[in-house]
C-alpha cells in the first residue's frame, strides 16, 4: 500500500489456478477473464465493495469519508473464478 496525495493505493500479484508453479514472470491465469472483488471492513461490517479487472485499487479521501473509513479499515481482496466464485482472501489493516 502507498499513500500519496490523500489516496490509498493498493497493488497485488495475480495467481494462477493452473500451472502456477512456473518461474516465468507471466503465469497462465487459468480463467476466461481476470476479476477481483475488494471489500473494506470496519470491524465485522463490510462498508464498501467493488469489482475490478486490474491488480490495483485506489481509495481517495472522498470515498473513504463517504464510507466511514477515515479511522481505519481492513481491505480484503479475492480473485474471482467463473467456476468457483471468490478464492482465498488476502487482507491488510490500514490505520
C-alpha atoms as a PDB file:
ATOM      1  CA  UNK A   1       0.000   0.000   0.000  1.00  0.00           C
ATOM      2  CA  UNK A   2       1.139   3.521  -0.802  1.00  0.00           C
ATOM      3  CA  UNK A   3      -0.284   6.788   0.452  1.00  0.00           C
ATOM      4  CA  UNK A   4       0.064   9.769  -1.822  1.00  0.00           C
ATOM      5  CA  UNK A   5      -1.987  12.958  -2.060  1.00  0.00           C
ATOM      6  CA  UNK A   6      -4.732  11.597   0.244  1.00  0.00           C
ATOM      7  CA  UNK A   7      -5.103   8.465  -1.909  1.00  0.00           C
ATOM      8  CA  UNK A   8      -4.532   4.946  -0.594  1.00  0.00           C
ATOM      9  CA  UNK A   9      -3.134   2.842  -3.461  1.00  0.00           C
ATOM     10  CA  UNK A  10      -3.061  -0.949  -3.322  1.00  0.00           C
ATOM     11  CA  UNK A  11      -1.444  -3.392  -5.736  1.00  0.00           C
ATOM     12  CA  UNK A  12      -1.219  -7.179  -5.735  1.00  0.00           C
ATOM     13  CA  UNK A  13       0.052 -10.046  -7.855  1.00  0.00           C
ATOM     14  CA  UNK A  14      -2.416 -12.292  -9.583  1.00  0.00           C
ATOM     15  CA  UNK A  15      -2.342 -16.023  -9.007  1.00  0.00           C
ATOM     16  CA  UNK A  16      -2.943 -18.924 -11.323  1.00  0.00           C
ATOM     17  CA  UNK A  17      -5.338 -21.733 -10.671  1.00  0.00           C
ATOM     18  CA  UNK A  18      -3.494 -24.000 -13.145  1.00  0.00           C
ATOM     19  CA  UNK A  19       0.213 -24.438 -13.925  1.00  0.00           C
ATOM     20  CA  UNK A  20       1.091 -21.769 -11.374  1.00  0.00           C
ATOM     21  CA  UNK A  21       4.373 -23.349 -10.301  1.00  0.00           C
ATOM     22  CA  UNK A  22       6.366 -21.842 -13.173  1.00  0.00           C
ATOM     23  CA  UNK A  23       9.175 -19.356 -12.562  1.00  0.00           C
ATOM     24  CA  UNK A  24       8.045 -17.242 -15.518  1.00  0.00           C
ATOM     25  CA  UNK A  25       7.068 -13.625 -14.864  1.00  0.00           C
ATOM     26  CA  UNK A  26       3.687 -14.160 -16.517  1.00  0.00           C
ATOM     27  CA  UNK A  27       1.897 -17.310 -15.445  1.00  0.00           C
ATOM     28  CA  UNK A  28      -1.318 -18.576 -17.062  1.00  0.00           C
ATOM     29  CA  UNK A  29      -4.410 -17.164 -15.407  1.00  0.00           C
ATOM     30  CA  UNK A  30      -6.480 -20.330 -15.703  1.00  0.00           C
ATOM     31  CA  UNK A  31      -9.699 -18.306 -16.069  1.00  0.00           C
ATOM     32  CA  UNK A  32     -11.585 -16.855 -19.026  1.00  0.00           C
ATOM     33  CA  UNK A  33     -11.082 -13.349 -17.610  1.00  0.00           C
ATOM     34  CA  UNK A  34      -9.242 -11.644 -14.781  1.00  0.00           C
ATOM     35  CA  UNK A  35     -11.502 -10.314 -11.996  1.00  0.00           C
ATOM     36  CA  UNK A  36     -11.120  -9.381  -8.347  1.00  0.00           C
ATOM     37  CA  UNK A  37     -13.504  -8.363  -5.585  1.00  0.00           C
ATOM     38  CA  UNK A  38     -12.431  -5.913  -2.874  1.00  0.00           C
ATOM     39  CA  UNK A  39     -14.178  -5.262   0.435  1.00  0.00           C
ATOM     40  CA  UNK A  40     -13.436  -2.585   3.011  1.00  0.00           C
ATOM     41  CA  UNK A  41     -14.443  -3.583   6.544  1.00  0.00           C
ATOM     42  CA  UNK A  42     -14.832  -1.564   9.682  1.00  0.00           C
ATOM     43  CA  UNK A  43     -14.965  -4.110  12.456  1.00  0.00           C
ATOM     44  CA  UNK A  44     -17.072  -7.006  11.217  1.00  0.00           C
ATOM     45  CA  UNK A  45     -19.136  -4.887   8.816  1.00  0.00           C
ATOM     46  CA  UNK A  46     -18.389  -4.608   5.096  1.00  0.00           C
ATOM     47  CA  UNK A  47     -18.964  -0.915   4.354  1.00  0.00           C
ATOM     48  CA  UNK A  48     -17.719  -0.770   0.759  1.00  0.00           C
ATOM     49  CA  UNK A  49     -17.207  -3.294  -2.034  1.00  0.00           C
ATOM     50  CA  UNK A  50     -16.153  -3.181  -5.670  1.00  0.00           C
ATOM     51  CA  UNK A  51     -15.033  -5.433  -8.517  1.00  0.00           C
ATOM     52  CA  UNK A  52     -12.092  -4.734 -10.815  1.00  0.00           C
ATOM     53  CA  UNK A  53     -10.195  -6.409 -13.634  1.00  0.00           C
ATOM     54  CA  UNK A  54      -6.902  -4.773 -12.635  1.00  0.00           C
ATOM     55  CA  UNK A  55      -4.343  -5.715  -9.977  1.00  0.00           C
ATOM     56  CA  UNK A  56      -4.561  -2.277  -8.411  1.00  0.00           C
ATOM     57  CA  UNK A  57      -7.051  -0.202  -6.492  1.00  0.00           C
ATOM     58  CA  UNK A  58      -7.131   3.419  -5.282  1.00  0.00           C
ATOM     59  CA  UNK A  59      -9.295   4.753  -2.460  1.00  0.00           C
ATOM     60  CA  UNK A  60      -9.359   8.542  -2.395  1.00  0.00           C
ATOM     61  CA  UNK A  61     -10.273  10.695   0.594  1.00  0.00           C
ATOM     62  CA  UNK A  62     -13.850  11.346  -0.614  1.00  0.00           C
ATOM     63  CA  UNK A  63     -14.546   7.617  -0.990  1.00  0.00           C
ATOM     64  CA  UNK A  64     -13.057   6.862   2.439  1.00  0.00           C
ATOM     65  CA  UNK A  65     -15.023   9.663   4.120  1.00  0.00           C
ATOM     66  CA  UNK A  66     -18.293   8.646   2.434  1.00  0.00           C
ATOM     67  CA  UNK A  67     -17.889   5.090   3.743  1.00  0.00           C
ATOM     68  CA  UNK A  68     -16.599   5.793   7.257  1.00  0.00           C
ATOM     69  CA  UNK A  69     -13.062   4.558   6.572  1.00  0.00           C
ATOM     70  CA  UNK A  70     -11.121   7.554   7.913  1.00  0.00           C
ATOM     71  CA  UNK A  71     -10.397   5.980  11.326  1.00  0.00           C
ATOM     72  CA  UNK A  72      -9.011   2.784   9.832  1.00  0.00           C
ATOM     73  CA  UNK A  73     -10.272  -0.229   7.942  1.00  0.00           C
ATOM     74  CA  UNK A  74      -9.356  -3.651   6.680  1.00  0.00           C
ATOM     75  CA  UNK A  75      -9.128  -4.175   2.928  1.00  0.00           C
ATOM     76  CA  UNK A  76      -9.807  -7.677   1.602  1.00  0.00           C
ATOM     77  CA  UNK A  77      -9.062  -8.815  -1.962  1.00  0.00           C
ATOM     78  CA  UNK A  78     -10.030 -12.094  -3.655  1.00  0.00           C
ATOM     79  CA  UNK A  79      -9.651 -13.295  -7.222  1.00  0.00           C
ATOM     80  CA  UNK A  80     -12.992 -14.304  -8.751  1.00  0.00           C
ATOM     81  CA  UNK A  81     -13.348 -17.548 -10.665  1.00  0.00           C
ATOM     82  CA  UNK A  82     -16.211 -18.027 -13.115  1.00  0.00           C
ATOM     83  CA  UNK A  83     -16.492 -21.606 -11.886  1.00  0.00           C
ATOM     84  CA  UNK A  84     -15.815 -21.298  -8.131  1.00  0.00           C
ATOM     85  CA  UNK A  85     -16.547 -17.673  -7.201  1.00  0.00           C
ATOM     86  CA  UNK A  86     -14.141 -15.740  -4.933  1.00  0.00           C
ATOM     87  CA  UNK A  87     -10.957 -17.561  -3.961  1.00  0.00           C
ATOM     88  CA  UNK A  88      -8.935 -17.145  -0.782  1.00  0.00           C
ATOM     89  CA  UNK A  89      -8.994 -13.648   0.684  1.00  0.00           C
ATOM     90  CA  UNK A  90      -5.876 -11.561   1.279  1.00  0.00           C
ATOM     91  CA  UNK A  91      -6.308  -8.741   3.781  1.00  0.00           C
ATOM     92  CA  UNK A  92      -4.467  -5.705   5.070  1.00  0.00           C
ATOM     93  CA  UNK A  93      -5.277  -3.495   8.058  1.00  0.00           C
ATOM     94  CA  UNK A  94      -4.993   0.229   7.350  1.00  0.00           C
ATOM     95  CA  UNK A  95      -4.858   2.787  10.142  1.00  0.00           C
END
